[in-house]
N, C-alpha and C. Protein backbone atom coordinates (compact mmCIF):
# COMPACT_ATOMS: atom_id res chain seq x y z
N MET A 1 75.21 90.38 121.17
CA MET A 1 75.10 91.80 120.95
C MET A 1 74.88 92.04 119.46
N ILE A 2 73.93 92.86 119.15
CA ILE A 2 73.62 93.24 117.77
C ILE A 2 73.87 94.73 117.63
N TYR A 3 74.63 95.10 116.60
CA TYR A 3 74.91 96.50 116.34
C TYR A 3 74.09 96.95 115.14
N CYS A 4 73.36 98.01 115.29
CA CYS A 4 72.60 98.62 114.21
C CYS A 4 73.39 99.86 113.79
N VAL A 5 74.07 99.77 112.64
CA VAL A 5 74.93 100.85 112.16
C VAL A 5 74.14 101.75 111.22
N VAL A 6 74.07 103.03 111.56
CA VAL A 6 73.33 104.00 110.75
C VAL A 6 74.33 104.73 109.86
N PRO A 7 74.18 104.64 108.52
CA PRO A 7 75.09 105.37 107.64
C PRO A 7 74.86 106.87 107.73
N PRO A 8 75.89 107.66 107.45
CA PRO A 8 75.75 109.12 107.58
C PRO A 8 74.71 109.71 106.63
N GLU A 9 74.42 109.03 105.53
CA GLU A 9 73.44 109.53 104.58
C GLU A 9 72.04 109.61 105.18
N LEU A 10 71.75 108.76 106.17
CA LEU A 10 70.42 108.77 106.79
C LEU A 10 70.29 109.87 107.83
N GLY A 11 71.41 110.34 108.37
CA GLY A 11 71.40 111.50 109.26
C GLY A 11 71.11 111.19 110.71
N GLU A 12 71.21 112.25 111.49
CA GLU A 12 71.02 112.16 112.94
C GLU A 12 69.57 111.83 113.31
N ASP A 13 68.63 112.25 112.49
CA ASP A 13 67.22 111.99 112.79
C ASP A 13 66.93 110.48 112.79
N ALA A 14 67.45 109.77 111.80
CA ALA A 14 67.26 108.32 111.75
C ALA A 14 67.95 107.66 112.94
N TYR A 15 69.13 108.17 113.31
CA TYR A 15 69.84 107.62 114.46
C TYR A 15 69.01 107.76 115.73
N ARG A 16 68.46 108.96 115.97
CA ARG A 16 67.65 109.19 117.18
C ARG A 16 66.40 108.31 117.20
N ARG A 17 65.76 108.15 116.03
CA ARG A 17 64.56 107.30 115.98
C ARG A 17 64.89 105.84 116.28
N LEU A 18 66.01 105.35 115.76
CA LEU A 18 66.39 103.96 116.03
C LEU A 18 66.80 103.76 117.49
N VAL A 19 67.48 104.73 118.07
CA VAL A 19 67.82 104.63 119.50
C VAL A 19 66.55 104.56 120.33
N GLU A 20 65.60 105.39 120.02
CA GLU A 20 64.31 105.39 120.74
C GLU A 20 63.58 104.05 120.56
N HIS A 21 63.61 103.53 119.35
CA HIS A 21 62.90 102.29 119.05
C HIS A 21 63.50 101.10 119.81
N TYR A 22 64.84 101.04 119.90
CA TYR A 22 65.51 99.89 120.51
C TYR A 22 65.94 100.13 121.95
N LYS A 23 65.50 101.20 122.59
CA LYS A 23 65.97 101.50 123.94
C LYS A 23 65.58 100.45 124.96
N GLY A 24 64.54 99.70 124.74
CA GLY A 24 64.13 98.67 125.67
C GLY A 24 64.81 97.33 125.47
N ASN A 25 65.60 97.19 124.42
CA ASN A 25 66.27 95.93 124.13
C ASN A 25 67.77 96.07 124.43
N PRO A 26 68.26 95.43 125.51
CA PRO A 26 69.68 95.57 125.87
C PRO A 26 70.62 94.85 124.91
N ASN A 27 70.10 94.00 124.03
CA ASN A 27 70.95 93.25 123.11
C ASN A 27 71.26 94.02 121.83
N ILE A 28 70.65 95.20 121.63
CA ILE A 28 70.86 95.96 120.40
C ILE A 28 71.46 97.32 120.76
N THR A 29 72.56 97.64 120.08
CA THR A 29 73.22 98.93 120.24
C THR A 29 73.20 99.65 118.90
N VAL A 30 72.70 100.87 118.89
CA VAL A 30 72.64 101.67 117.67
C VAL A 30 73.85 102.59 117.66
N ILE A 31 74.61 102.57 116.54
CA ILE A 31 75.78 103.43 116.43
C ILE A 31 75.72 104.18 115.10
N MET A 32 76.29 105.37 115.09
CA MET A 32 76.34 106.20 113.89
C MET A 32 77.70 106.02 113.25
N ASP A 33 77.72 105.70 111.97
CA ASP A 33 78.97 105.53 111.24
C ASP A 33 79.52 106.90 110.88
N ARG A 34 80.64 107.24 111.50
CA ARG A 34 81.24 108.56 111.25
C ARG A 34 82.60 108.46 110.59
N ARG A 35 82.92 107.28 110.04
CA ARG A 35 84.21 107.12 109.37
C ARG A 35 84.24 107.95 108.10
N GLN A 36 85.43 108.44 107.79
CA GLN A 36 85.60 109.21 106.56
C GLN A 36 86.87 108.76 105.87
N GLY A 37 86.76 108.39 104.60
CA GLY A 37 87.92 108.00 103.83
C GLY A 37 88.36 106.58 104.10
N GLU A 38 89.38 106.18 103.37
CA GLU A 38 89.95 104.84 103.49
C GLU A 38 90.96 104.83 104.63
N ARG A 39 90.92 103.79 105.45
CA ARG A 39 91.83 103.69 106.58
C ARG A 39 93.21 103.19 106.18
N ARG A 40 93.31 102.50 105.08
CA ARG A 40 94.58 101.89 104.67
C ARG A 40 95.32 102.75 103.64
N THR A 41 95.41 104.03 103.85
CA THR A 41 96.09 104.90 102.90
C THR A 41 97.59 104.89 103.10
N ASP A 42 98.09 104.69 104.30
CA ASP A 42 99.53 104.69 104.57
C ASP A 42 100.07 103.28 104.38
N ARG A 43 100.80 103.07 103.31
CA ARG A 43 101.34 101.74 103.01
C ARG A 43 102.83 101.65 103.35
N SER A 44 103.35 102.59 104.13
CA SER A 44 104.78 102.56 104.47
C SER A 44 105.11 101.45 105.46
N HIS A 45 104.12 100.94 106.18
CA HIS A 45 104.35 99.87 107.15
C HIS A 45 103.90 98.55 106.56
N GLY A 46 104.85 97.78 106.04
CA GLY A 46 104.51 96.45 105.56
C GLY A 46 104.35 96.35 104.05
N GLY A 47 104.27 97.43 103.33
CA GLY A 47 104.20 97.35 101.88
C GLY A 47 102.85 96.89 101.37
N GLU A 48 102.85 96.41 100.15
CA GLU A 48 101.62 95.96 99.50
C GLU A 48 101.15 94.64 100.10
N ARG A 49 99.87 94.45 100.14
CA ARG A 49 99.30 93.19 100.62
C ARG A 49 99.41 92.15 99.52
N LYS A 50 99.65 90.92 99.89
CA LYS A 50 99.81 89.84 98.91
C LYS A 50 98.83 88.72 99.21
N GLN A 51 98.27 88.15 98.18
CA GLN A 51 97.44 86.96 98.31
C GLN A 51 98.33 85.76 98.05
N ARG A 52 98.29 84.80 98.96
CA ARG A 52 99.08 83.59 98.77
C ARG A 52 98.17 82.38 98.81
N ASP A 53 98.62 81.34 98.14
CA ASP A 53 97.90 80.08 98.17
C ASP A 53 98.31 79.35 99.44
N ARG A 54 97.36 79.15 100.35
CA ARG A 54 97.68 78.56 101.65
C ARG A 54 97.56 77.04 101.67
N ARG A 55 97.18 76.48 100.53
CA ARG A 55 97.05 75.03 100.50
C ARG A 55 98.43 74.36 100.53
N ARG A 56 98.49 73.19 101.11
CA ARG A 56 99.73 72.45 101.17
C ARG A 56 100.12 71.98 99.77
N GLN A 57 101.40 72.13 99.44
CA GLN A 57 101.84 71.70 98.12
C GLN A 57 101.90 70.19 98.07
N ARG A 58 101.60 69.65 96.89
CA ARG A 58 101.64 68.20 96.71
C ARG A 58 103.07 67.71 96.59
N LEU A 59 103.29 66.49 97.00
CA LEU A 59 104.60 65.88 96.85
C LEU A 59 104.84 65.54 95.38
N PRO A 60 106.06 65.64 94.93
CA PRO A 60 106.34 65.31 93.53
C PRO A 60 106.14 63.82 93.29
N GLY A 61 105.71 63.47 92.09
CA GLY A 61 105.50 62.07 91.73
C GLY A 61 104.10 61.85 91.22
N ASP A 62 103.85 60.63 90.76
CA ASP A 62 102.56 60.28 90.20
C ASP A 62 101.81 59.40 91.21
N PHE A 63 100.70 59.91 91.72
CA PHE A 63 99.95 59.16 92.71
C PHE A 63 98.61 58.67 92.18
N ASP A 64 98.45 58.66 90.84
CA ASP A 64 97.18 58.18 90.26
C ASP A 64 97.07 56.67 90.44
N VAL A 65 95.97 56.23 90.91
CA VAL A 65 95.75 54.80 91.16
C VAL A 65 94.78 54.27 90.15
């Protein structure tokens, strides 16, 4: 499945033209992006996001050969 996302700046006219153009292809879905603002504004659940180093820590000692 391929999604063709139309930004709101292009408008409804561009959306209608793309829907018409891809109507014969069942693998392509044209959608209009109607999101407004940032979705992660409420930080009361879970606090700040943290980046952690996920690599395994090395064992102490000298392993140079």
